[in-house]
Amino acid sequence: LSSQGVWHERIAESRIMIEQARLLTLKAAYMMDTVGNKI
């Protein structure tokens, strides 16, 4: 199954989506620590 193209698309999209969400969440956490929840 892992050799079929549709799954390559889904796996790639999954990795991209996770990395995007993680980076944005870590940015939010950093900002909460440095400039506060309101900012």
PDB file of all heavy atoms in Angstrom:
ATOM      1  N   LEU A   1       0.817  -1.221   0.000  1.00  0.00           N
ATOM      2  CA  LEU A   1       0.000   0.000   0.000  1.00  0.00           C
ATOM      3  C   LEU A   1       0.853   1.274   0.000  1.00  0.00           C
ATOM      4  O   LEU A   1       0.493   2.273  -0.623  1.00  0.00           O
ATOM      5  CB  LEU A   1      -0.929   0.013   1.213  1.00  0.00           C
ATOM      6  CG  LEU A   1      -2.106  -0.974   1.187  1.00  0.00           C
ATOM      7  CD1 LEU A   1      -2.892  -0.883   2.485  1.00  0.00           C
ATOM      8  CD2 LEU A   1      -3.007  -0.716  -0.004  1.00  0.00           C
ATOM      9  N   SER A   2       1.996   1.215   0.687  1.00  0.00           N
ATOM     10  CA  SER A   2       2.831   2.416   0.777  1.00  0.00           C
ATOM     11  C   SER A   2       3.460   2.797  -0.559  1.00  0.00           C
ATOM     12  O   SER A   2       4.005   3.894  -0.696  1.00  0.00           O
ATOM     13  CB  SER A   2       3.931   2.216   1.820  1.00  0.00           C
ATOM     14  OG  SER A   2       4.765   1.123   1.476  1.00  0.00           O
ATOM     15  N   SER A   3       3.393   1.915  -1.556  1.00  0.00           N
ATOM     16  CA  SER A   3       3.961   2.244  -2.863  1.00  0.00           C
ATOM     17  C   SER A   3       2.955   2.937  -3.777  1.00  0.00           C
ATOM     18  O   SER A   3       3.314   3.377  -4.869  1.00  0.00           O
ATOM     19  CB  SER A   3       4.464   0.965  -3.550  1.00  0.00           C
ATOM     20  OG  SER A   3       3.369   0.123  -3.914  1.00  0.00           O
ATOM     21  N   GLN A   4       1.724   3.059  -3.318  1.00  0.00           N
ATOM     22  CA  GLN A   4       0.678   3.644  -4.158  1.00  0.00           C
ATOM     23  C   GLN A   4       0.658   5.165  -3.997  1.00  0.00           C
ATOM     24  O   GLN A   4       0.746   5.703  -2.896  1.00  0.00           O
ATOM     25  CB  GLN A   4      -0.664   3.023  -3.806  1.00  0.00           C
ATOM     26  CG  GLN A   4      -0.668   1.508  -4.064  1.00  0.00           C
ATOM     27  CD  GLN A   4      -1.979   0.838  -3.716  1.00  0.00           C
ATOM     28  OE1 GLN A   4      -2.965   1.495  -3.463  1.00  0.00           O
ATOM     29  NE2 GLN A   4      -1.975  -0.490  -3.718  1.00  0.00           N
ATOM     30  N   GLY A   5       0.525   5.834  -5.116  1.00  0.00           N
ATOM     31  CA  GLY A   5       0.709   7.281  -5.175  1.00  0.00           C
ATOM     32  C   GLY A   5      -0.196   8.080  -4.259  1.00  0.00           C
ATOM     33  O   GLY A   5       0.224   9.090  -3.680  1.00  0.00           O
ATOM     34  N   VAL A   6      -1.437   7.661  -4.111  1.00  0.00           N
ATOM     35  CA  VAL A   6      -2.363   8.429  -3.280  1.00  0.00           C
ATOM     36  C   VAL A   6      -1.857   8.528  -1.842  1.00  0.00           C
ATOM     37  O   VAL A   6      -2.020   9.555  -1.173  1.00  0.00           O
ATOM     38  CB  VAL A   6      -3.787   7.829  -3.331  1.00  0.00           C
ATOM     39  CG1 VAL A   6      -3.833   6.430  -2.706  1.00  0.00           C
ATOM     40  CG2 VAL A   6      -4.778   8.749  -2.629  1.00  0.00           C
ATOM     41  N   TRP A   7      -1.199   7.469  -1.379  1.00  0.00           N
ATOM     42  CA  TRP A   7      -0.689   7.487  -0.004  1.00  0.00           C
ATOM     43  C   TRP A   7       0.555   8.351   0.120  1.00  0.00           C
ATOM     44  O   TRP A   7       0.803   8.939   1.176  1.00  0.00           O
ATOM     45  CB  TRP A   7      -0.437   6.062   0.490  1.00  0.00           C
ATOM     46  CG  TRP A   7      -1.734   5.351   0.747  1.00  0.00           C
ATOM     47  CD1 TRP A   7      -2.261   4.314   0.054  1.00  0.00           C
ATOM     48  CD2 TRP A   7      -2.693   5.689   1.737  1.00  0.00           C
ATOM     49  NE1 TRP A   7      -3.492   3.976   0.562  1.00  0.00           N
ATOM     50  CE2 TRP A   7      -3.781   4.800   1.606  1.00  0.00           C
ATOM     51  CE3 TRP A   7      -2.748   6.659   2.763  1.00  0.00           C
ATOM     52  CZ2 TRP A   7      -4.900   4.842   2.433  1.00  0.00           C
ATOM     53  CZ3 TRP A   7      -3.859   6.709   3.584  1.00  0.00           C
ATOM     54  CH2 TRP A   7      -4.923   5.816   3.418  1.00  0.00           C
ATOM     55  N   HIS A   8       1.336   8.453  -0.940  1.00  0.00           N
ATOM     56  CA  HIS A   8       2.462   9.393  -0.919  1.00  0.00           C
ATOM     57  C   HIS A   8       1.951  10.816  -0.715  1.00  0.00           C
ATOM     58  O   HIS A   8       2.518  11.597   0.062  1.00  0.00           O
ATOM     59  CB  HIS A   8       3.252   9.311  -2.233  1.00  0.00           C
ATOM     60  CG  HIS A   8       4.024   8.043  -2.379  1.00  0.00           C
ATOM     61  ND1 HIS A   8       4.804   7.768  -3.478  1.00  0.00           N
ATOM     62  CD2 HIS A   8       4.145   6.964  -1.561  1.00  0.00           C
ATOM     63  CE1 HIS A   8       5.372   6.582  -3.335  1.00  0.00           C
ATOM     64  NE2 HIS A   8       4.983   6.074  -2.187  1.00  0.00           N
ATOM     65  N   GLU A   9       0.883  11.163  -1.418  1.00  0.00           N
ATOM     66  CA  GLU A   9       0.291  12.492  -1.281  1.00  0.00           C
ATOM     67  C   GLU A   9      -0.163  12.736   0.156  1.00  0.00           C
ATOM     68  O   GLU A   9       0.095  13.789   0.742  1.00  0.00           O
ATOM     69  CB  GLU A   9      -0.911  12.636  -2.228  1.00  0.00           C
ATOM     70  CG  GLU A   9      -0.556  12.706  -3.699  1.00  0.00           C
ATOM     71  CD  GLU A   9       0.059  14.040  -4.074  1.00  0.00           C
ATOM     72  OE1 GLU A   9      -0.339  15.065  -3.473  1.00  0.00           O
ATOM     73  OE2 GLU A   9       0.955  14.059  -4.935  1.00  0.00           O
ATOM     74  N   ARG A  10      -0.847  11.763   0.725  1.00  0.00           N
ATOM     75  CA  ARG A  10      -1.406  11.938   2.068  1.00  0.00           C
ATOM     76  C   ARG A  10      -0.316  11.988   3.129  1.00  0.00           C
ATOM     77  O   ARG A  10      -0.408  12.772   4.090  1.00  0.00           O
ATOM     78  CB  ARG A  10      -2.410  10.817   2.366  1.00  0.00           C
ATOM     79  CG  ARG A  10      -3.668  10.933   1.527  1.00  0.00           C
ATOM     80  CD  ARG A  10      -4.560   9.713   1.641  1.00  0.00           C
ATOM     81  NE  ARG A  10      -5.785   9.899   0.843  1.00  0.00           N
ATOM     82  CZ  ARG A  10      -6.691   8.935   0.635  1.00  0.00           C
ATOM     83  NH1 ARG A  10      -6.496   7.717   1.139  1.00  0.00           N
ATOM     84  NH2 ARG A  10      -7.764   9.179  -0.082  1.00  0.00           N
ATOM     85  N   ILE A  11       0.703  11.163   2.976  1.00  0.00           N
ATOM     86  CA  ILE A  11       1.811  11.181   3.939  1.00  0.00           C
ATOM     87  C   ILE A  11       2.545  12.519   3.883  1.00  0.00           C
ATOM     88  O   ILE A  11       2.858  13.125   4.919  1.00  0.00           O
ATOM     89  CB  ILE A  11       2.774  10.008   3.663  1.00  0.00           C
ATOM     90  CG1 ILE A  11       2.096   8.673   4.005  1.00  0.00           C
ATOM     91  CG2 ILE A  11       4.070  10.169   4.467  1.00  0.00           C
ATOM     92  CD1 ILE A  11       2.827   7.463   3.464  1.00  0.00           C
ATOM     93  N   ALA A  12       2.813  12.978   2.675  1.00  0.00           N
ATOM     94  CA  ALA A  12       3.511  14.265   2.528  1.00  0.00           C
ATOM     95  C   ALA A  12       2.686  15.405   3.117  1.00  0.00           C
ATOM     96  O   ALA A  12       3.208  16.260   3.855  1.00  0.00           O
ATOM     97  CB  ALA A  12       3.800  14.534   1.049  1.00  0.00           C
ATOM     98  N   GLU A  13       1.395  15.433   2.799  1.00  0.00           N
ATOM     99  CA  GLU A  13       0.526  16.478   3.341  1.00  0.00           C
ATOM    100  C   GLU A  13       0.488  16.416   4.864  1.00  0.00           C
ATOM    101  O   GLU A  13       0.476  17.447   5.541  1.00  0.00           O
ATOM    102  CB  GLU A  13      -0.894  16.335   2.777  1.00  0.00           C
ATOM    103  CG  GLU A  13      -1.069  16.910   1.384  1.00  0.00           C
ATOM    104  CD  GLU A  13      -0.805  18.409   1.348  1.00  0.00           C
ATOM    105  OE1 GLU A  13      -1.309  19.141   2.217  1.00  0.00           O
ATOM    106  OE2 GLU A  13      -0.056  18.837   0.446  1.00  0.00           O
ATOM    107  N   SER A  14       0.465  15.220   5.404  1.00  0.00           N
ATOM    108  CA  SER A  14       0.423  15.060   6.862  1.00  0.00           C
ATOM    109  C   SER A  14       1.661  15.667   7.512  1.00  0.00           C
ATOM    110  O   SER A  14       1.558  16.397   8.513  1.00  0.00           O
ATOM    111  CB  SER A  14       0.313  13.570   7.229  1.00  0.00           C
ATOM    112  OG  SER A  14      -0.896  13.016   6.744  1.00  0.00           O
ATOM    113  N   ARG A  15       2.823  15.352   6.977  1.00  0.00           N
ATOM    114  CA  ARG A  15       4.059  15.900   7.540  1.00  0.00           C
ATOM    115  C   ARG A  15       4.079  17.427   7.440  1.00  0.00           C
ATOM    116  O   ARG A  15       4.437  18.121   8.404  1.00  0.00           O
ATOM    117  CB  ARG A  15       5.270  15.284   6.835  1.00  0.00           C
ATOM    118  CG  ARG A  15       6.619  15.886   7.216  1.00  0.00           C
ATOM    119  CD  ARG A  15       6.834  15.953   8.717  1.00  0.00           C
ATOM    120  NE  ARG A  15       6.747  14.646   9.360  1.00  0.00           N
ATOM    121  CZ  ARG A  15       6.474  14.465  10.651  1.00  0.00           C
ATOM    122  NH1 ARG A  15       6.237  15.508  11.433  1.00  0.00           N
ATOM    123  NH2 ARG A  15       6.407  13.266  11.161  1.00  0.00           N
ATOM    124  N   ILE A  16       3.664  17.959   6.309  1.00  0.00           N
ATOM    125  CA  ILE A  16       3.636  19.420   6.135  1.00  0.00           C
ATOM    126  C   ILE A  16       2.683  20.057   7.146  1.00  0.00           C
ATOM    127  O   ILE A  16       3.015  21.052   7.801  1.00  0.00           O
ATOM    128  CB  ILE A  16       3.225  19.782   4.694  1.00  0.00           C
ATOM    129  CG1 ILE A  16       4.315  19.362   3.700  1.00  0.00           C
ATOM    130  CG2 ILE A  16       2.936  21.275   4.564  1.00  0.00           C
ATOM    131  CD1 ILE A  16       3.850  19.359   2.245  1.00  0.00           C
ATOM    132  N   MET A  17       1.503  19.491   7.297  1.00  0.00           N
ATOM    133  CA  MET A  17       0.491  20.053   8.199  1.00  0.00           C
ATOM    134  C   MET A  17       0.951  20.029   9.654  1.00  0.00           C
ATOM    135  O   MET A  17       0.736  20.985  10.407  1.00  0.00           O
ATOM    136  CB  MET A  17      -0.827  19.295   8.043  1.00  0.00           C
ATOM    137  CG  MET A  17      -1.502  19.514   6.694  1.00  0.00           C
ATOM    138  SD  MET A  17      -2.735  18.237   6.304  1.00  0.00           S
ATOM    139  CE  MET A  17      -3.986  18.574   7.523  1.00  0.00           C
ATOM    140  N   ILE A  18       1.597  18.934  10.050  1.00  0.00           N
ATOM    141  CA  ILE A  18       2.087  18.838  11.430  1.00  0.00           C
ATOM    142  C   ILE A  18       3.157  19.886  11.702  1.00  0.00           C
ATOM    143  O   ILE A  18       3.134  20.576  12.729  1.00  0.00           O
ATOM    144  CB  ILE A  18       2.632  17.419  11.713  1.00  0.00           C
ATOM    145  CG1 ILE A  18       1.479  16.408  11.799  1.00  0.00           C
ATOM    146  CG2 ILE A  18       3.439  17.396  13.014  1.00  0.00           C
ATOM    147  CD1 ILE A  18       1.935  14.960  11.877  1.00  0.00           C
ATOM    148  N   GLU A  19       4.107  20.011  10.766  1.00  0.00           N
ATOM    149  CA  GLU A  19       5.190  20.976  10.977  1.00  0.00           C
ATOM    150  C   GLU A  19       4.661  22.408  11.025  1.00  0.00           C
ATOM    151  O   GLU A  19       5.104  23.228  11.841  1.00  0.00           O
ATOM    152  CB  GLU A  19       6.240  20.837   9.868  1.00  0.00           C
ATOM    153  CG  GLU A  19       6.956  19.494   9.851  1.00  0.00           C
ATOM    154  CD  GLU A  19       7.720  19.202  11.139  1.00  0.00           C
ATOM    155  OE1 GLU A  19       8.261  20.145  11.737  1.00  0.00           O
ATOM    156  OE2 GLU A  19       7.755  18.027  11.541  1.00  0.00           O
ATOM    157  N   GLN A  20       3.697  22.730  10.174  1.00  0.00           N
ATOM    158  CA  GLN A  20       3.105  24.065  10.190  1.00  0.00           C
ATOM    159  C   GLN A  20       2.437  24.341  11.537  1.00  0.00           C
ATOM    160  O   GLN A  20       2.620  25.414  12.130  1.00  0.00           O
ATOM    161  CB  GLN A  20       2.076  24.199   9.064  1.00  0.00           C
ATOM    162  CG  GLN A  20       2.668  24.292   7.671  1.00  0.00           C
ATOM    163  CD  GLN A  20       1.599  24.273   6.595  1.00  0.00           C
ATOM    164  OE1 GLN A  20       0.547  23.648   6.757  1.00  0.00           O
ATOM    165  NE2 GLN A  20       1.848  24.954   5.499  1.00  0.00           N
ATOM    166  N   ALA A  21       1.644  23.382  11.995  1.00  0.00           N
ATOM    167  CA  ALA A  21       0.910  23.573  13.251  1.00  0.00           C
ATOM    168  C   ALA A  21       1.873  23.689  14.430  1.00  0.00           C
ATOM    169  O   ALA A  21       1.673  24.514  15.329  1.00  0.00           O
ATOM    170  CB  ALA A  21      -0.061  22.414  13.471  1.00  0.00           C
ATOM    171  N   ARG A  22       2.921  22.870  14.425  1.00  0.00           N
ATOM    172  CA  ARG A  22       3.879  22.921  15.535  1.00  0.00           C
ATOM    173  C   ARG A  22       4.584  24.276  15.589  1.00  0.00           C
ATOM    174  O   ARG A  22       4.719  24.879  16.654  1.00  0.00           O
ATOM    175  CB  ARG A  22       4.892  21.791  15.422  1.00  0.00           C
ATOM    176  CG  ARG A  22       5.902  21.798  16.591  1.00  0.00           C
ATOM    177  CD  ARG A  22       7.010  20.795  16.409  1.00  0.00           C
ATOM    178  NE  ARG A  22       6.546  19.426  16.564  1.00  0.00           N
ATOM    179  CZ  ARG A  22       6.511  18.529  15.590  1.00  0.00           C
ATOM    180  NH1 ARG A  22       6.906  18.864  14.350  1.00  0.00           N
ATOM    181  NH2 ARG A  22       6.087  17.304  15.810  1.00  0.00           N
ATOM    182  N   LEU A  23       5.061  24.744  14.446  1.00  0.00           N
ATOM    183  CA  LEU A  23       5.780  26.017  14.424  1.00  0.00           C
ATOM    184  C   LEU A  23       4.896  27.171  14.895  1.00  0.00           C
ATOM    185  O   LEU A  23       5.337  28.039  15.653  1.00  0.00           O
ATOM    186  CB  LEU A  23       6.321  26.294  13.022  1.00  0.00           C
ATOM    187  CG  LEU A  23       7.546  25.473  12.613  1.00  0.00           C
ATOM    188  CD1 LEU A  23       7.834  25.657  11.136  1.00  0.00           C
ATOM    189  CD2 LEU A  23       8.767  25.858  13.444  1.00  0.00           C
ATOM    190  N   LEU A  24       3.644  27.182  14.463  1.00  0.00           N
ATOM    191  CA  LEU A  24       2.745  28.257  14.881  1.00  0.00           C
ATOM    192  C   LEU A  24       2.440  28.162  16.376  1.00  0.00           C
ATOM    193  O   LEU A  24       2.379  29.180  17.072  1.00  0.00           O
ATOM    194  CB  LEU A  24       1.449  28.203  14.067  1.00  0.00           C
ATOM    195  CG  LEU A  24       0.461  29.345  14.299  1.00  0.00           C
ATOM    196  CD1 LEU A  24       1.107  30.708  14.097  1.00  0.00           C
ATOM    197  CD2 LEU A  24      -0.752  29.197  13.379  1.00  0.00           C
ATOM    198  N   THR A  25       2.280  26.948  16.878  1.00  0.00           N
ATOM    199  CA  THR A  25       1.997  26.782  18.307  1.00  0.00           C
ATOM    200  C   THR A  25       3.194  27.195  19.150  1.00  0.00           C
ATOM    201  O   THR A  25       3.037  27.855  20.191  1.00  0.00           O
ATOM    202  CB  THR A  25       1.595  25.325  18.606  1.00  0.00           C
ATOM    203  OG1 THR A  25       0.508  24.949  17.756  1.00  0.00           O
ATOM    204  CG2 THR A  25       1.166  25.167  20.055  1.00  0.00           C
ATOM    205  N   LEU A  26       4.384  26.821  18.728  1.00  0.00           N
ATOM    206  CA  LEU A  26       5.577  27.224  19.469  1.00  0.00           C
ATOM    207  C   LEU A  26       5.767  28.736  19.413  1.00  0.00           C
ATOM    208  O   LEU A  26       6.215  29.350  20.393  1.00  0.00           O
ATOM    209  CB  LEU A  26       6.808  26.503  18.907  1.00  0.00           C
ATOM    210  CG  LEU A  26       6.860  24.993  19.164  1.00  0.00           C
ATOM    211  CD1 LEU A  26       8.053  24.369  18.432  1.00  0.00           C
ATOM    212  CD2 LEU A  26       6.926  24.682  20.652  1.00  0.00           C
ATOM    213  N   LYS A  27       5.429  29.349  18.285  1.00  0.00           N
ATOM    214  CA  LYS A  27       5.499  30.811  18.207  1.00  0.00           C
ATOM    215  C   LYS A  27       4.536  31.444  19.208  1.00  0.00           C
ATOM    216  O   LYS A  27       4.878  32.407  19.905  1.00  0.00           O
ATOM    217  CB  LYS A  27       5.160  31.293  16.796  1.00  0.00           C
ATOM    218  CG  LYS A  27       5.213  32.815  16.667  1.00  0.00           C
ATOM    219  CD  LYS A  27       4.625  33.314  15.359  1.00  0.00           C
ATOM    220  CE  LYS A  27       4.629  34.842  15.324  1.00  0.00           C
ATOM    221  NZ  LYS A  27       3.920  35.372  14.131  1.00  0.00           N
ATOM    222  N   ALA A  28       3.320  30.901  19.293  1.00  0.00           N
ATOM    223  CA  ALA A  28       2.339  31.427  20.253  1.00  0.00           C
ATOM    224  C   ALA A  28       2.846  31.273  21.682  1.00  0.00           C
ATOM    225  O   ALA A  28       2.723  32.193  22.505  1.00  0.00           O
ATOM    226  CB  ALA A  28       1.003  30.710  20.077  1.00  0.00           C
ATOM    227  N   ALA A  29       3.436  30.113  21.989  1.00  0.00           N
ATOM    228  CA  ALA A  29       3.973  29.889  23.336  1.00  0.00           C
ATOM    229  C   ALA A  29       5.098  30.867  23.637  1.00  0.00           C
ATOM    230  O   ALA A  29       5.176  31.427  24.749  1.00  0.00           O
ATOM    231  CB  ALA A  29       4.468  28.445  23.450  1.00  0.00           C
ATOM    232  N   TYR A  30       5.977  31.087  22.664  1.00  0.00           N
ATOM    233  CA  TYR A  30       7.080  32.040  22.836  1.00  0.00           C
ATOM    234  C   TYR A  30       6.547  33.444  23.104  1.00  0.00           C
ATOM    235  O   TYR A  30       7.034  34.157  23.998  1.00  0.00           O
ATOM    236  CB  TYR A  30       7.962  32.022  21.582  1.00  0.00           C
ATOM    237  CG  TYR A  30       8.983  33.138  21.532  1.00  0.00           C
ATOM    238  CD1 TYR A  30      10.157  33.059  22.279  1.00  0.00           C
ATOM    239  CD2 TYR A  30       8.763  34.271  20.746  1.00  0.00           C
ATOM    240  CE1 TYR A  30      11.086  34.086  22.231  1.00  0.00           C
ATOM    241  CE2 TYR A  30       9.695  35.296  20.700  1.00  0.00           C
ATOM    242  CZ  TYR A  30      10.855  35.203  21.449  1.00  0.00           C
ATOM    243  OH  TYR A  30      11.766  36.226  21.409  1.00  0.00           O
ATOM    244  N   MET A  31       5.554  33.850  22.341  1.00  0.00           N
ATOM    245  CA  MET A  31       5.000  35.186  22.525  1.00  0.00           C
ATOM    246  C   MET A  31       4.310  35.326  23.878  1.00  0.00           C
ATOM    247  O   MET A  31       4.413  36.370  24.533  1.00  0.00           O
ATOM    248  CB  MET A  31       4.032  35.515  21.385  1.00  0.00           C
ATOM    249  CG  MET A  31       4.711  35.715  20.046  1.00  0.00           C
ATOM    250  SD  MET A  31       3.553  36.152  18.731  1.00  0.00           S
ATOM    251  CE  MET A  31       3.022  37.793  19.272  1.00  0.00           C
ATOM    252  N   MET A  32       3.619  34.298  24.326  1.00  0.00           N
ATOM    253  CA  MET A  32       2.984  34.350  25.644  1.00  0.00           C
ATOM    254  C   MET A  32       4.025  34.534  26.741  1.00  0.00           C
ATOM    255  O   MET A  32       3.803  35.270  27.704  1.00  0.00           O
ATOM    256  CB  MET A  32       2.168  33.084  25.883  1.00  0.00           C
ATOM    257  CG  MET A  32       0.893  33.026  25.056  1.00  0.00           C
ATOM    258  SD  MET A  32       0.134  31.396  25.086  1.00  0.00           S
ATOM    259  CE  MET A  32      -0.258  31.235  26.810  1.00  0.00           C
ATOM    260  N   ASP A  33       5.163  33.889  26.580  1.00  0.00           N
ATOM    261  CA  ASP A  33       6.236  34.006  27.579  1.00  0.00           C
ATOM    262  C   ASP A  33       6.911  35.370  27.536  1.00  0.00           C
ATOM    263  O   ASP A  33       7.352  35.880  28.571  1.00  0.00           O
ATOM    264  CB  ASP A  33       7.299  32.928  27.341  1.00  0.00           C
ATOM    265  CG  ASP A  33       6.827  31.528  27.710  1.00  0.00           C
ATOM    266  OD1 ASP A  33       5.875  31.418  28.498  1.00  0.00           O
ATOM    267  OD2 ASP A  33       7.411  30.561  27.192  1.00  0.00           O
ATOM    268  N   THR A  34       6.999  35.971  26.356  1.00  0.00           N
ATOM    269  CA  THR A  34       7.815  37.180  26.206  1.00  0.00           C
ATOM    270  C   THR A  34       7.014  38.472  26.197  1.00  0.00           C
ATOM    271  O   THR A  34       7.447  39.475  26.775  1.00  0.00           O
ATOM    272  CB  THR A  34       8.652  37.105  24.915  1.00  0.00           C
ATOM    273  OG1 THR A  34       7.775  36.860  23.805  1.00  0.00           O
ATOM    274  CG2 THR A  34       9.684  35.988  25.004  1.00  0.00           C
ATOM    275  N   VAL A  35       5.848  38.470  25.538  1.00  0.00           N
ATOM    276  CA  VAL A  35       5.073  39.717  25.448  1.00  0.00           C
ATOM    277  C   VAL A  35       3.691  39.603  26.066  1.00  0.00           C
ATOM    278  O   VAL A  35       2.965  40.591  26.137  1.00  0.00           O
ATOM    279  CB  VAL A  35       4.950  40.198  23.983  1.00  0.00           C
ATOM    280  CG1 VAL A  35       6.323  40.547  23.424  1.00  0.00           C
ATOM    281  CG2 VAL A  35       4.261  39.141  23.103  1.00  0.00           C
ATOM    282  N   GLY A  36       3.309  38.400  26.503  1.00  0.00           N
ATOM    283  CA  GLY A  36       2.048  38.228  27.207  1.00  0.00           C
ATOM    284  C   GLY A  36       0.901  37.775  26.322  1.00  0.00           C
ATOM    285  O   GLY A  36       0.939  37.883  25.099  1.00  0.00           O
ATOM    286  N   ASN A  37      -0.139  37.266  27.003  1.00  0.00           N
ATOM    287  CA  ASN A  37      -1.286  36.681  26.298  1.00  0.00           C
ATOM    288  C   ASN A  37      -2.007  37.696  25.411  1.00  0.00           C
ATOM    289  O   ASN A  37      -2.506  37.354  24.338  1.00  0.00           O
ATOM    290  CB  ASN A  37      -2.284  36.101  27.301  1.00  0.00           C
ATOM    291  CG  ASN A  37      -1.733  34.911  28.053  1.00  0.00           C
ATOM    292  OD1 ASN A  37      -0.549  34.601  27.949  1.00  0.00           O
ATOM    293  ND2 ASN A  37      -2.580  34.247  28.809  1.00  0.00           N
ATOM    294  N   LYS A  38      -2.086  38.939  25.868  1.00  0.00           N
ATOM    295  CA  LYS A  38      -2.857  39.928  25.119  1.00  0.00           C
ATOM    296  C   LYS A  38      -2.233  40.196  23.753  1.00  0.00           C
ATOM    297  O   LYS A  38      -2.933  40.263  22.738  1.00  0.00           O
ATOM    298  CB  LYS A  38      -2.970  41.224  25.923  1.00  0.00           C
ATOM    299  CG  LYS A  38      -3.909  42.243  25.308  1.00  0.00           C
ATOM    300  CD  LYS A  38      -4.135  43.427  26.235  1.00  0.00           C
ATOM    301  CE  LYS A  38      -5.138  44.411  25.625  1.00  0.00           C
ATOM    302  NZ  LYS A  38      -5.397  45.569  26.507  1.00  0.00           N
ATOM    303  N   ILE A  39      -0.921  40.332  23.720  1.00  0.00           N
ATOM    304  CA  ILE A  39      -0.233  40.576  22.444  1.00  0.00           C
ATOM    305  C   ILE A  39      -0.264  39.313  21.576  1.00  0.00           C
ATOM    306  O   ILE A  39      -0.300  39.391  20.341  1.00  0.00           O
ATOM    307  CB  ILE A  39       1.221  41.034  22.686  1.00  0.00           C
ATOM    308  CG1 ILE A  39       1.239  42.287  23.558  1.00  0.00           C
ATOM    309  CG2 ILE A  39       1.936  41.295  21.368  1.00  0.00           C
ATOM    310  CD1 ILE A  39       0.534  43.482  22.960  1.00  0.00           C
TER     311      ILE A  39
END
